[in-house]
mmCIF file of all heavy atoms, coordinates in Angstrom:
data_MODEL
# 
_entry.id   MODEL 
# 
loop_
_atom_site.group_PDB 
_atom_site.id 
_atom_site.type_symbol 
_atom_site.label_atom_id 
_atom_site.label_alt_id 
_atom_site.label_comp_id 
_atom_site.label_asym_id 
_atom_site.label_entity_id 
_atom_site.label_seq_id 
_atom_site.pdbx_PDB_ins_code 
_atom_site.Cartn_x 
_atom_site.Cartn_y 
_atom_site.Cartn_z 
_atom_site.occupancy 
_atom_site.B_iso_or_equiv 
_atom_site.pdbx_formal_charge 
_atom_site.auth_seq_id 
_atom_site.auth_comp_id 
_atom_site.auth_asym_id 
_atom_site.auth_atom_id 
_atom_site.pdbx_PDB_model_num 
ATOM 1   N N   . ASN A 1 1  ? -13.718 -72.115 -77.866 1.00 0.00 ? 1  ASN A N   1 
ATOM 2   C CA  . ASN A 1 1  ? -13.854 -71.612 -79.232 1.00 0.00 ? 1  ASN A CA  1 
ATOM 3   C C   . ASN A 1 1  ? -15.258 -71.856 -79.772 1.00 0.00 ? 1  ASN A C   1 
ATOM 4   O O   . ASN A 1 1  ? -15.825 -71.004 -80.468 1.00 0.00 ? 1  ASN A O   1 
ATOM 5   C CB  . ASN A 1 1  ? -12.826 -72.266 -80.155 1.00 0.00 ? 1  ASN A CB  1 
ATOM 6   C CG  . ASN A 1 1  ? -11.463 -71.591 -80.050 1.00 0.00 ? 1  ASN A CG  1 
ATOM 7   O OD1 . ASN A 1 1  ? -11.389 -70.373 -79.938 1.00 0.00 ? 1  ASN A OD1 1 
ATOM 8   N ND2 . ASN A 1 1  ? -10.403 -72.369 -80.074 1.00 0.00 ? 1  ASN A ND2 1 
ATOM 9   N N   . ALA A 1 2  ? -15.834 -73.024 -79.455 1.00 0.00 ? 2  ALA A N   1 
ATOM 10  C CA  . ALA A 1 2  ? -17.187 -73.319 -79.920 1.00 0.00 ? 2  ALA A CA  1 
ATOM 11  C C   . ALA A 1 2  ? -18.190 -72.361 -79.289 1.00 0.00 ? 2  ALA A C   1 
ATOM 12  O O   . ALA A 1 2  ? -19.118 -71.879 -79.952 1.00 0.00 ? 2  ALA A O   1 
ATOM 13  C CB  . ALA A 1 2  ? -17.549 -74.764 -79.589 1.00 0.00 ? 2  ALA A CB  1 
ATOM 14  N N   . ALA A 1 3  ? -18.013 -72.070 -78.006 1.00 0.00 ? 3  ALA A N   1 
ATOM 15  C CA  . ALA A 1 3  ? -18.905 -71.135 -77.321 1.00 0.00 ? 3  ALA A CA  1 
ATOM 16  C C   . ALA A 1 3  ? -18.790 -69.740 -77.923 1.00 0.00 ? 3  ALA A C   1 
ATOM 17  O O   . ALA A 1 3  ? -19.791 -69.041 -78.118 1.00 0.00 ? 3  ALA A O   1 
ATOM 18  C CB  . ALA A 1 3  ? -18.588 -71.098 -75.832 1.00 0.00 ? 3  ALA A CB  1 
ATOM 19  N N   . LEU A 1 4  ? -17.569 -69.328 -78.232 1.00 0.00 ? 4  LEU A N   1 
ATOM 20  C CA  . LEU A 1 4  ? -17.351 -68.011 -78.831 1.00 0.00 ? 4  LEU A CA  1 
ATOM 21  C C   . LEU A 1 4  ? -18.043 -67.914 -80.181 1.00 0.00 ? 4  LEU A C   1 
ATOM 22  O O   . LEU A 1 4  ? -18.724 -66.925 -80.478 1.00 0.00 ? 4  LEU A O   1 
ATOM 23  C CB  . LEU A 1 4  ? -15.852 -67.748 -78.974 1.00 0.00 ? 4  LEU A CB  1 
ATOM 24  C CG  . LEU A 1 4  ? -15.465 -66.445 -79.684 1.00 0.00 ? 4  LEU A CG  1 
ATOM 25  C CD1 . LEU A 1 4  ? -15.988 -65.239 -78.904 1.00 0.00 ? 4  LEU A CD1 1 
ATOM 26  C CD2 . LEU A 1 4  ? -13.951 -66.357 -79.847 1.00 0.00 ? 4  LEU A CD2 1 
ATOM 27  N N   . GLN A 1 5  ? -17.873 -68.932 -81.017 1.00 0.00 ? 5  GLN A N   1 
ATOM 28  C CA  . GLN A 1 5  ? -18.498 -68.915 -82.337 1.00 0.00 ? 5  GLN A CA  1 
ATOM 29  C C   . GLN A 1 5  ? -20.012 -68.869 -82.226 1.00 0.00 ? 5  GLN A C   1 
ATOM 30  O O   . GLN A 1 5  ? -20.699 -68.199 -83.018 1.00 0.00 ? 5  GLN A O   1 
ATOM 31  C CB  . GLN A 1 5  ? -18.060 -70.152 -83.137 1.00 0.00 ? 5  GLN A CB  1 
ATOM 32  C CG  . GLN A 1 5  ? -16.591 -70.161 -83.523 1.00 0.00 ? 5  GLN A CG  1 
ATOM 33  C CD  . GLN A 1 5  ? -16.178 -68.928 -84.313 1.00 0.00 ? 5  GLN A CD  1 
ATOM 34  O OE1 . GLN A 1 5  ? -16.917 -68.445 -85.169 1.00 0.00 ? 5  GLN A OE1 1 
ATOM 35  N NE2 . GLN A 1 5  ? -14.994 -68.409 -84.019 1.00 0.00 ? 5  GLN A NE2 1 
ATOM 36  N N   . ALA A 1 6  ? -20.571 -69.567 -81.244 1.00 0.00 ? 6  ALA A N   1 
ATOM 37  C CA  . ALA A 1 6  ? -22.020 -69.563 -81.054 1.00 0.00 ? 6  ALA A CA  1 
ATOM 38  C C   . ALA A 1 6  ? -22.515 -68.173 -80.668 1.00 0.00 ? 6  ALA A C   1 
ATOM 39  O O   . ALA A 1 6  ? -23.560 -67.714 -81.137 1.00 0.00 ? 6  ALA A O   1 
ATOM 40  C CB  . ALA A 1 6  ? -22.411 -70.584 -79.985 1.00 0.00 ? 6  ALA A CB  1 
ATOM 41  N N   . LEU A 1 7  ? -21.762 -67.484 -79.815 1.00 0.00 ? 7  LEU A N   1 
ATOM 42  C CA  . LEU A 1 7  ? -22.159 -66.145 -79.386 1.00 0.00 ? 7  LEU A CA  1 
ATOM 43  C C   . LEU A 1 7  ? -22.037 -65.129 -80.517 1.00 0.00 ? 7  LEU A C   1 
ATOM 44  O O   . LEU A 1 7  ? -22.700 -64.083 -80.493 1.00 0.00 ? 7  LEU A O   1 
ATOM 45  C CB  . LEU A 1 7  ? -21.309 -65.701 -78.192 1.00 0.00 ? 7  LEU A CB  1 
ATOM 46  C CG  . LEU A 1 7  ? -21.572 -66.432 -76.878 1.00 0.00 ? 7  LEU A CG  1 
ATOM 47  C CD1 . LEU A 1 7  ? -20.564 -65.997 -75.818 1.00 0.00 ? 7  LEU A CD1 1 
ATOM 48  C CD2 . LEU A 1 7  ? -22.990 -66.175 -76.381 1.00 0.00 ? 7  LEU A CD2 1 
ATOM 49  N N   . LEU A 1 8  ? -21.182 -65.413 -81.486 1.00 0.00 ? 8  LEU A N   1 
ATOM 50  C CA  . LEU A 1 8  ? -21.012 -64.511 -82.626 1.00 0.00 ? 8  LEU A CA  1 
ATOM 51  C C   . LEU A 1 8  ? -22.013 -64.799 -83.736 1.00 0.00 ? 8  LEU A C   1 
ATOM 52  O O   . LEU A 1 8  ? -22.082 -64.054 -84.720 1.00 0.00 ? 8  LEU A O   1 
ATOM 53  C CB  . LEU A 1 8  ? -19.579 -64.624 -83.177 1.00 0.00 ? 8  LEU A CB  1 
ATOM 54  C CG  . LEU A 1 8  ? -18.461 -64.134 -82.251 1.00 0.00 ? 8  LEU A CG  1 
ATOM 55  C CD1 . LEU A 1 8  ? -17.099 -64.434 -82.855 1.00 0.00 ? 8  LEU A CD1 1 
ATOM 56  C CD2 . LEU A 1 8  ? -18.604 -62.642 -81.972 1.00 0.00 ? 8  LEU A CD2 1 
ATOM 57  N N   . ASP A 1 9  ? -22.792 -65.879 -83.594 1.00 0.00 ? 9  ASP A N   1 
ATOM 58  C CA  . ASP A 1 9  ? -23.759 -66.280 -84.618 1.00 0.00 ? 9  ASP A CA  1 
ATOM 59  C C   . ASP A 1 9  ? -25.136 -65.714 -84.268 1.00 0.00 ? 9  ASP A C   1 
ATOM 60  O O   . ASP A 1 9  ? -25.721 -66.084 -83.248 1.00 0.00 ? 9  ASP A O   1 
ATOM 61  C CB  . ASP A 1 9  ? -23.829 -67.805 -84.696 1.00 0.00 ? 9  ASP A CB  1 
ATOM 62  C CG  . ASP A 1 9  ? -24.777 -68.284 -85.784 1.00 0.00 ? 9  ASP A CG  1 
ATOM 63  O OD1 . ASP A 1 9  ? -25.362 -67.435 -86.482 1.00 0.00 ? 9  ASP A OD1 1 
ATOM 64  O OD2 . ASP A 1 9  ? -24.921 -69.515 -85.942 1.00 0.00 ? 9  ASP A OD2 1 
ATOM 65  N N   . PRO A 1 10 ? -25.693 -64.808 -85.112 1.00 0.00 ? 10 PRO A N   1 
ATOM 66  C CA  . PRO A 1 10 ? -27.006 -64.204 -84.807 1.00 0.00 ? 10 PRO A CA  1 
ATOM 67  C C   . PRO A 1 10 ? -28.123 -65.236 -84.649 1.00 0.00 ? 10 PRO A C   1 
ATOM 68  O O   . PRO A 1 10 ? -29.088 -64.999 -83.924 1.00 0.00 ? 10 PRO A O   1 
ATOM 69  C CB  . PRO A 1 10 ? -27.273 -63.309 -86.029 1.00 0.00 ? 10 PRO A CB  1 
ATOM 70  C CG  . PRO A 1 10 ? -25.923 -63.053 -86.622 1.00 0.00 ? 10 PRO A CG  1 
ATOM 71  C CD  . PRO A 1 10 ? -25.122 -64.291 -86.351 1.00 0.00 ? 10 PRO A CD  1 
ATOM 72  N N   . GLU A 1 11 ? -27.981 -66.377 -85.314 1.00 0.00 ? 11 GLU A N   1 
ATOM 73  C CA  . GLU A 1 11 ? -29.030 -67.394 -85.236 1.00 0.00 ? 11 GLU A CA  1 
ATOM 74  C C   . GLU A 1 11 ? -29.181 -67.941 -83.821 1.00 0.00 ? 11 GLU A C   1 
ATOM 75  O O   . GLU A 1 11 ? -30.249 -68.422 -83.440 1.00 0.00 ? 11 GLU A O   1 
ATOM 76  C CB  . GLU A 1 11 ? -28.711 -68.538 -86.204 1.00 0.00 ? 11 GLU A CB  1 
ATOM 77  C CG  . GLU A 1 11 ? -28.784 -68.143 -87.675 1.00 0.00 ? 11 GLU A CG  1 
ATOM 78  C CD  . GLU A 1 11 ? -30.191 -67.711 -88.082 1.00 0.00 ? 11 GLU A CD  1 
ATOM 79  O OE1 . GLU A 1 11 ? -31.147 -68.326 -87.584 1.00 0.00 ? 11 GLU A OE1 1 
ATOM 80  O OE2 . GLU A 1 11 ? -30.324 -66.758 -88.860 1.00 0.00 ? 11 GLU A OE2 1 
ATOM 81  N N   . THR A 1 12 ? -28.108 -67.885 -83.046 1.00 0.00 ? 12 THR A N   1 
ATOM 82  C CA  . THR A 1 12 ? -28.147 -68.432 -81.700 1.00 0.00 ? 12 THR A CA  1 
ATOM 83  C C   . THR A 1 12 ? -29.139 -67.689 -80.815 1.00 0.00 ? 12 THR A C   1 
ATOM 84  O O   . THR A 1 12 ? -29.708 -68.255 -79.888 1.00 0.00 ? 12 THR A O   1 
ATOM 85  C CB  . THR A 1 12 ? -26.741 -68.375 -81.057 1.00 0.00 ? 12 THR A CB  1 
ATOM 86  O OG1 . THR A 1 12 ? -25.803 -68.948 -81.960 1.00 0.00 ? 12 THR A OG1 1 
ATOM 87  C CG2 . THR A 1 12 ? -26.696 -69.160 -79.758 1.00 0.00 ? 12 THR A CG2 1 
ATOM 88  N N   . LYS A 1 13 ? -29.339 -66.407 -81.092 1.00 0.00 ? 13 LYS A N   1 
ATOM 89  C CA  . LYS A 1 13 ? -30.251 -65.619 -80.263 1.00 0.00 ? 13 LYS A CA  1 
ATOM 90  C C   . LYS A 1 13 ? -31.537 -65.272 -80.988 1.00 0.00 ? 13 LYS A C   1 
ATOM 91  O O   . LYS A 1 13 ? -32.374 -64.551 -80.472 1.00 0.00 ? 13 LYS A O   1 
ATOM 92  C CB  . LYS A 1 13 ? -29.577 -64.335 -79.781 1.00 0.00 ? 13 LYS A CB  1 
ATOM 93  C CG  . LYS A 1 13 ? -29.125 -63.393 -80.886 1.00 0.00 ? 13 LYS A CG  1 
ATOM 94  C CD  . LYS A 1 13 ? -28.450 -62.152 -80.339 1.00 0.00 ? 13 LYS A CD  1 
ATOM 95  C CE  . LYS A 1 13 ? -29.392 -61.290 -79.545 1.00 0.00 ? 13 LYS A CE  1 
ATOM 96  N NZ  . LYS A 1 13 ? -28.863 -59.961 -79.247 1.00 0.00 ? 13 LYS A NZ  1 
ATOM 97  N N   . GLY A 1 14 ? -31.725 -65.793 -82.213 1.00 0.00 ? 14 GLY A N   1 
ATOM 98  C CA  . GLY A 1 14 ? -32.892 -65.443 -83.007 1.00 0.00 ? 14 GLY A CA  1 
ATOM 99  C C   . GLY A 1 14 ? -34.200 -65.776 -82.333 1.00 0.00 ? 14 GLY A C   1 
ATOM 100 O O   . GLY A 1 14 ? -35.171 -65.023 -82.416 1.00 0.00 ? 14 GLY A O   1 
ATOM 101 N N   . ASP A 1 15 ? -34.286 -66.903 -81.654 1.00 0.00 ? 15 ASP A N   1 
ATOM 102 C CA  . ASP A 1 15 ? -35.535 -67.325 -81.029 1.00 0.00 ? 15 ASP A CA  1 
ATOM 103 C C   . ASP A 1 15 ? -35.873 -66.500 -79.796 1.00 0.00 ? 15 ASP A C   1 
ATOM 104 O O   . ASP A 1 15 ? -36.961 -66.631 -79.243 1.00 0.00 ? 15 ASP A O   1 
ATOM 105 C CB  . ASP A 1 15 ? -35.459 -68.807 -80.634 1.00 0.00 ? 15 ASP A CB  1 
ATOM 106 C CG  . ASP A 1 15 ? -35.420 -69.715 -81.856 1.00 0.00 ? 15 ASP A CG  1 
ATOM 107 O OD1 . ASP A 1 15 ? -35.814 -69.236 -82.931 1.00 0.00 ? 15 ASP A OD1 1 
ATOM 108 O OD2 . ASP A 1 15 ? -34.983 -70.860 -81.722 1.00 0.00 ? 15 ASP A OD2 1 
ATOM 109 N N   . HIS A 1 16 ? -34.947 -65.665 -79.368 1.00 0.00 ? 16 HIS A N   1 
ATOM 110 C CA  . HIS A 1 16 ? -35.168 -64.904 -78.137 1.00 0.00 ? 16 HIS A CA  1 
ATOM 111 C C   . HIS A 1 16 ? -35.231 -63.404 -78.418 1.00 0.00 ? 16 HIS A C   1 
ATOM 112 O O   . HIS A 1 16 ? -34.985 -62.600 -77.538 1.00 0.00 ? 16 HIS A O   1 
ATOM 113 C CB  . HIS A 1 16 ? -34.054 -65.210 -77.136 1.00 0.00 ? 16 HIS A CB  1 
ATOM 114 C CG  . HIS A 1 16 ? -34.088 -66.620 -76.638 1.00 0.00 ? 16 HIS A CG  1 
ATOM 115 N ND1 . HIS A 1 16 ? -34.845 -67.026 -75.575 1.00 0.00 ? 16 HIS A ND1 1 
ATOM 116 C CD2 . HIS A 1 16 ? -33.467 -67.727 -77.096 1.00 0.00 ? 16 HIS A CD2 1 
ATOM 117 C CE1 . HIS A 1 16 ? -34.689 -68.323 -75.370 1.00 0.00 ? 16 HIS A CE1 1 
ATOM 118 N NE2 . HIS A 1 16 ? -33.852 -68.768 -76.285 1.00 0.00 ? 16 HIS A NE2 1 
ATOM 119 N N   . THR A 1 17 ? -35.550 -63.061 -79.663 1.00 0.00 ? 17 THR A N   1 
ATOM 120 C CA  . THR A 1 17 ? -35.647 -61.654 -80.024 1.00 0.00 ? 17 THR A CA  1 
ATOM 121 C C   . THR A 1 17 ? -37.062 -61.334 -80.482 1.00 0.00 ? 17 THR A C   1 
ATOM 122 O O   . THR A 1 17 ? -37.624 -62.019 -81.340 1.00 0.00 ? 17 THR A O   1 
ATOM 123 C CB  . THR A 1 17 ? -34.655 -61.319 -81.158 1.00 0.00 ? 17 THR A CB  1 
ATOM 124 O OG1 . THR A 1 17 ? -33.326 -61.588 -80.705 1.00 0.00 ? 17 THR A OG1 1 
ATOM 125 C CG2 . THR A 1 17 ? -34.752 -59.857 -81.540 1.00 0.00 ? 17 THR A CG2 1 
ATOM 126 N N   . LEU A 1 18 ? -37.642 -60.311 -79.902 1.00 0.00 ? 18 LEU A N   1 
ATOM 127 C CA  . LEU A 1 18 ? -38.981 -59.858 -80.274 1.00 0.00 ? 18 LEU A CA  1 
ATOM 128 C C   . LEU A 1 18 ? -38.849 -58.630 -81.154 1.00 0.00 ? 18 LEU A C   1 
ATOM 129 O O   . LEU A 1 18 ? -38.203 -57.655 -80.774 1.00 0.00 ? 18 LEU A O   1 
ATOM 130 C CB  . LEU A 1 18 ? -39.784 -59.506 -79.018 1.00 0.00 ? 18 LEU A CB  1 
ATOM 131 C CG  . LEU A 1 18 ? -41.110 -58.775 -79.243 1.00 0.00 ? 18 LEU A CG  1 
ATOM 132 C CD1 . LEU A 1 18 ? -42.112 -59.695 -79.917 1.00 0.00 ? 18 LEU A CD1 1 
ATOM 133 C CD2 . LEU A 1 18 ? -41.661 -58.242 -77.929 1.00 0.00 ? 18 LEU A CD2 1 
ATOM 134 N N   . THR A 1 19 ? -39.450 -58.688 -82.332 1.00 0.00 ? 19 THR A N   1 
ATOM 135 C CA  . THR A 1 19 ? -39.409 -57.559 -83.247 1.00 0.00 ? 19 THR A CA  1 
ATOM 136 C C   . THR A 1 19 ? -40.805 -56.974 -83.387 1.00 0.00 ? 19 THR A C   1 
ATOM 137 O O   . THR A 1 19 ? -41.748 -57.676 -83.770 1.00 0.00 ? 19 THR A O   1 
ATOM 138 C CB  . THR A 1 19 ? -38.889 -57.974 -84.634 1.00 0.00 ? 19 THR A CB  1 
ATOM 139 O OG1 . THR A 1 19 ? -37.558 -58.487 -84.495 1.00 0.00 ? 19 THR A OG1 1 
ATOM 140 C CG2 . THR A 1 19 ? -38.860 -56.781 -85.575 1.00 0.00 ? 19 THR A CG2 1 
ATOM 141 N N   . VAL A 1 20 ? -40.921 -55.697 -83.073 1.00 0.00 ? 20 VAL A N   1 
ATOM 142 C CA  . VAL A 1 20 ? -42.175 -54.973 -83.229 1.00 0.00 ? 20 VAL A CA  1 
ATOM 143 C C   . VAL A 1 20 ? -42.013 -54.050 -84.426 1.00 0.00 ? 20 VAL A C   1 
ATOM 144 O O   . VAL A 1 20 ? -41.154 -53.172 -84.436 1.00 0.00 ? 20 VAL A O   1 
ATOM 145 C CB  . VAL A 1 20 ? -42.513 -54.151 -81.964 1.00 0.00 ? 20 VAL A CB  1 
ATOM 146 C CG1 . VAL A 1 20 ? -43.769 -53.323 -82.186 1.00 0.00 ? 20 VAL A CG1 1 
ATOM 147 C CG2 . VAL A 1 20 ? -42.676 -55.068 -80.760 1.00 0.00 ? 20 VAL A CG2 1 
ATOM 148 N N   . SER A 1 21 ? -42.827 -54.266 -85.450 1.00 0.00 ? 21 SER A N   1 
ATOM 149 C CA  . SER A 1 21 ? -42.731 -53.456 -86.662 1.00 0.00 ? 21 SER A CA  1 
ATOM 150 C C   . SER A 1 21 ? -43.649 -52.245 -86.568 1.00 0.00 ? 21 SER A C   1 
ATOM 151 O O   . SER A 1 21 ? -44.696 -52.274 -85.891 1.00 0.00 ? 21 SER A O   1 
ATOM 152 C CB  . SER A 1 21 ? -43.114 -54.291 -87.889 1.00 0.00 ? 21 SER A CB  1 
ATOM 153 O OG  . SER A 1 21 ? -42.242 -55.397 -88.035 1.00 0.00 ? 21 SER A OG  1 
ATOM 154 N N   . ALA A 1 22 ? -43.259 -51.172 -87.252 1.00 0.00 ? 22 ALA A N   1 
ATOM 155 C CA  . ALA A 1 22 ? -44.084 -49.970 -87.278 1.00 0.00 ? 22 ALA A CA  1 
ATOM 156 C C   . ALA A 1 22 ? -45.456 -50.313 -87.861 1.00 0.00 ? 22 ALA A C   1 
ATOM 157 O O   . ALA A 1 22 ? -45.552 -51.004 -88.879 1.00 0.00 ? 22 ALA A O   1 
ATOM 158 C CB  . ALA A 1 22 ? -43.408 -48.882 -88.106 1.00 0.00 ? 22 ALA A CB  1 
ATOM 159 N N   . GLY A 1 23 ? -46.499 -49.849 -87.224 1.00 0.00 ? 23 GLY A N   1 
ATOM 160 C CA  . GLY A 1 23 ? -47.856 -50.125 -87.675 1.00 0.00 ? 23 GLY A CA  1 
ATOM 161 C C   . GLY A 1 23 ? -48.498 -51.309 -86.992 1.00 0.00 ? 23 GLY A C   1 
ATOM 162 O O   . GLY A 1 23 ? -49.717 -51.509 -87.109 1.00 0.00 ? 23 GLY A O   1 
ATOM 163 N N   . ASN A 1 24 ? -47.708 -52.112 -86.268 1.00 0.00 ? 24 ASN A N   1 
ATOM 164 C CA  . ASN A 1 24 ? -48.278 -53.266 -85.559 1.00 0.00 ? 24 ASN A CA  1 
ATOM 165 C C   . ASN A 1 24 ? -49.279 -52.814 -84.505 1.00 0.00 ? 24 ASN A C   1 
ATOM 166 O O   . ASN A 1 24 ? -49.062 -51.816 -83.803 1.00 0.00 ? 24 ASN A O   1 
ATOM 167 C CB  . ASN A 1 24 ? -47.192 -54.073 -84.870 1.00 0.00 ? 24 ASN A CB  1 
ATOM 168 C CG  . ASN A 1 24 ? -46.400 -54.977 -85.809 1.00 0.00 ? 24 ASN A CG  1 
ATOM 169 O OD1 . ASN A 1 24 ? -45.375 -55.509 -85.443 1.00 0.00 ? 24 ASN A OD1 1 
ATOM 170 N ND2 . ASN A 1 24 ? -46.885 -55.143 -87.032 1.00 0.00 ? 24 ASN A ND2 1 
ATOM 171 N N   . THR A 1 25 ? -50.368 -53.558 -84.380 1.00 0.00 ? 25 THR A N   1 
ATOM 172 C CA  . THR A 1 25 ? -51.342 -53.296 -83.319 1.00 0.00 ? 25 THR A CA  1 
ATOM 173 C C   . THR A 1 25 ? -50.947 -54.092 -82.076 1.00 0.00 ? 25 THR A C   1 
ATOM 174 O O   . THR A 1 25 ? -50.102 -54.982 -82.129 1.00 0.00 ? 25 THR A O   1 
ATOM 175 C CB  . THR A 1 25 ? -52.744 -53.712 -83.754 1.00 0.00 ? 25 THR A CB  1 
ATOM 176 O OG1 . THR A 1 25 ? -52.753 -55.133 -83.982 1.00 0.00 ? 25 THR A OG1 1 
ATOM 177 C CG2 . THR A 1 25 ? -53.160 -52.990 -85.031 1.00 0.00 ? 25 THR A CG2 1 
ATOM 178 N N   . LYS A 1 26 ? -51.592 -53.791 -80.969 1.00 0.00 ? 26 LYS A N   1 
ATOM 179 C CA  . LYS A 1 26 ? -51.293 -54.513 -79.730 1.00 0.00 ? 26 LYS A CA  1 
ATOM 180 C C   . LYS A 1 26 ? -51.638 -55.997 -79.854 1.00 0.00 ? 26 LYS A C   1 
ATOM 181 O O   . LYS A 1 26 ? -51.003 -56.850 -79.211 1.00 0.00 ? 26 LYS A O   1 
ATOM 182 C CB  . LYS A 1 26 ? -52.018 -53.882 -78.546 1.00 0.00 ? 26 LYS A CB  1 
ATOM 183 C CG  . LYS A 1 26 ? -53.538 -53.938 -78.632 1.00 0.00 ? 26 LYS A CG  1 
ATOM 184 C CD  . LYS A 1 26 ? -54.192 -53.247 -77.437 1.00 0.00 ? 26 LYS A CD  1 
ATOM 185 C CE  . LYS A 1 26 ? -55.719 -53.309 -77.519 1.00 0.00 ? 26 LYS A CE  1 
ATOM 186 N NZ  . LYS A 1 26 ? -56.359 -52.605 -76.381 1.00 0.00 ? 26 LYS A NZ  1 
ATOM 187 N N   . ASP A 1 27 ? -52.623 -56.333 -80.689 1.00 0.00 ? 27 ASP A N   1 
ATOM 188 C CA  . ASP A 1 27 ? -52.977 -57.742 -80.875 1.00 0.00 ? 27 ASP A CA  1 
ATOM 189 C C   . ASP A 1 27 ? -51.892 -58.486 -81.655 1.00 0.00 ? 27 ASP A C   1 
ATOM 190 O O   . ASP A 1 27 ? -51.581 -59.639 -81.357 1.00 0.00 ? 27 ASP A O   1 
ATOM 191 C CB  . ASP A 1 27 ? -54.318 -57.863 -81.605 1.00 0.00 ? 27 ASP A CB  1 
ATOM 192 C CG  . ASP A 1 27 ? -55.496 -57.469 -80.724 1.00 0.00 ? 27 ASP A CG  1 
ATOM 193 O OD1 . ASP A 1 27 ? -55.337 -57.496 -79.478 1.00 0.00 ? 27 ASP A OD1 1 
ATOM 194 O OD2 . ASP A 1 27 ? -56.556 -57.120 -81.268 1.00 0.00 ? 27 ASP A OD2 1 
# 
């Protein structure tokens, strides 16, 4: 149950998500 709740929590994967916003340069 603890593992399931962790997988349902967006914060658990937050550090492993790359967000590229429109207008971002390659730098």
